[in-house]
Structures are given as structure tokens and as C-alpha cells.
Amino acid sequence: MVMQKDGLIVYDPDSGQIGKNTFSDPLFAPFPELITLAGDMSRERVGNGTYNVIDADRMNVTKEAMWTTVGIRGTEWRLALIRIIEPANS
């Protein structure tokens, strides 16, 4: 996925998330760990972390995100690779 430093998602495999702001959109409100991680991403040029969410099958899962920064002409985006590492309730 690709996120602007202000939390706006500019690309995600789930097209329903594109154009939403991680910090202010109600879609993300039930997931405080995700919002915290997005805050880390907005402040840090590289990093990693985990968070719990509910997937498309309504299962709790733990995801790991690893990100770096890409940019051009002074504008930066966070490019993140995200993977499921385990069901959260296992």
C-alpha cells in the first residue's frame, strides 16, 4: 500500500480504502493499533510494526507492515508491504 504522510491512502489492493484517511475516516476507527502504526509511518521514513484487524472473512488477524519512503521533488510517500502473520486469536 502507499500512504501520504498525512494518512491519505493513495494505493491499496483493497480499492475501497483508496482515498480514505487513516487518521480520520470512520472505517479505521475500530482499529487503534492500525491508527498508531499509521502515525509511526507518517513520522518515520522506514520501519515496521504489527496490528490487529478483522479480515474480509470477519476473522481477527495480526498483520505485519514494513515500510520505506519514496519521493520525488520534495514530496514523500510511505510504501508498505503488509502480510498476515497469524490469526489474532491463535
Protein backbone atom coordinates (compact mmCIF):
# COMPACT_ATOMS: atom_id res chain seq x y z
CA MET A 1 0.00 0.00 0.00
CA VAL A 2 1.04 3.62 -0.41
CA MET A 3 0.20 6.34 2.10
CA GLN A 4 0.86 10.06 2.14
CA LYS A 5 2.47 11.38 5.30
CA ASP A 6 -0.88 12.93 6.30
CA GLY A 7 -2.51 9.47 6.36
CA LEU A 8 -4.25 9.59 2.98
CA ILE A 9 -4.14 6.19 1.26
CA VAL A 10 -3.18 6.63 -2.39
CA TYR A 11 -2.94 2.92 -3.23
CA ASP A 12 -4.15 -0.28 -1.59
CA PRO A 13 -5.07 -3.69 -3.04
CA ASP A 14 -8.48 -3.10 -1.42
CA SER A 15 -9.69 -0.32 -3.74
CA GLY A 16 -12.31 0.68 -1.15
CA GLN A 17 -9.52 2.11 1.01
CA ILE A 18 -8.02 4.34 -1.69
CA GLY A 19 -8.75 7.99 -0.97
CA LYS A 20 -9.53 7.40 2.70
CA ASN A 21 -7.54 8.99 5.50
CA THR A 22 -6.26 6.53 8.08
CA PHE A 23 -6.45 9.12 10.87
CA SER A 24 -9.95 10.48 10.27
CA ASP A 25 -12.06 8.00 8.29
CA PRO A 26 -14.59 6.06 10.42
CA LEU A 27 -13.59 2.86 8.59
CA PHE A 28 -10.37 2.73 10.63
CA ALA A 29 -11.73 3.96 14.00
CA PRO A 30 -12.31 0.42 15.41
CA PHE A 31 -8.61 -0.40 14.90
CA PRO A 32 -6.48 1.79 17.23
CA GLU A 33 -3.35 -0.31 16.62
CA LEU A 34 -3.62 0.41 12.90
CA ILE A 35 -4.02 4.14 13.55
CA THR A 36 -0.99 4.08 15.87
CA LEU A 37 1.08 2.27 13.23
CA ALA A 38 -0.01 4.80 10.59
CA GLY A 39 1.22 7.53 12.94
CA ASP A 40 4.58 5.79 13.15
CA MET A 41 4.63 5.56 9.36
CA SER A 42 3.87 9.27 9.00
CA ARG A 43 6.77 10.23 11.29
CA GLU A 44 9.41 7.63 10.41
CA ARG A 45 10.96 7.19 6.96
CA VAL A 46 11.46 3.42 7.45
CA GLY A 47 10.15 0.93 9.95
CA ASN A 48 7.93 -1.98 10.78
CA GLY A 49 5.21 -2.98 13.18
CA THR A 50 2.18 -5.15 13.77
CA TYR A 51 -1.51 -4.54 14.29
CA ASN A 52 -4.76 -6.50 14.63
CA VAL A 53 -7.73 -6.10 12.29
CA ILE A 54 -10.78 -8.03 11.14
CA ASP A 55 -10.33 -9.51 7.65
CA ALA A 56 -12.87 -9.99 4.86
CA ASP A 57 -13.97 -13.29 6.42
CA ARG A 58 -14.73 -11.49 9.72
CA MET A 59 -11.75 -13.16 11.43
CA ASN A 60 -9.31 -11.39 13.73
CA VAL A 61 -5.85 -11.41 12.17
CA THR A 62 -2.48 -9.95 13.04
CA LYS A 63 -0.71 -8.17 10.21
CA GLU A 64 2.87 -7.04 9.89
CA ALA A 65 3.80 -3.91 7.95
CA MET A 66 7.27 -2.98 6.74
CA TRP A 67 7.67 0.41 5.09
CA THR A 68 10.13 2.70 3.43
CA THR A 69 9.92 6.13 1.87
CA VAL A 70 9.82 7.00 -1.80
CA GLY A 71 9.69 10.51 -3.12
CA ILE A 72 10.25 12.98 -5.88
CA ARG A 73 10.82 16.74 -5.83
CA GLY A 74 10.31 17.04 -2.08
CA THR A 75 7.08 15.02 -1.88
CA GLU A 76 7.26 11.75 0.06
CA TRP A 77 5.04 8.68 0.24
CA ARG A 78 5.28 5.68 2.50
CA LEU A 79 5.45 2.43 0.57
CA ALA A 80 4.42 -0.51 2.77
CA LEU A 81 4.45 -4.26 2.36
CA ILE A 82 1.80 -5.84 4.56
CA ARG A 83 1.26 -9.50 5.31
CA ILE A 84 -0.87 -11.60 7.61
CA ILE A 85 1.38 -13.24 10.17
CA GLU A 86 -1.22 -15.15 12.19
CA PRO A 87 -4.84 -15.29 13.21
CA ALA A 88 -5.01 -12.91 16.19
CA ASN A 89 -6.84 -15.43 18.38
CA SER A 90 -4.49 -18.37 17.83
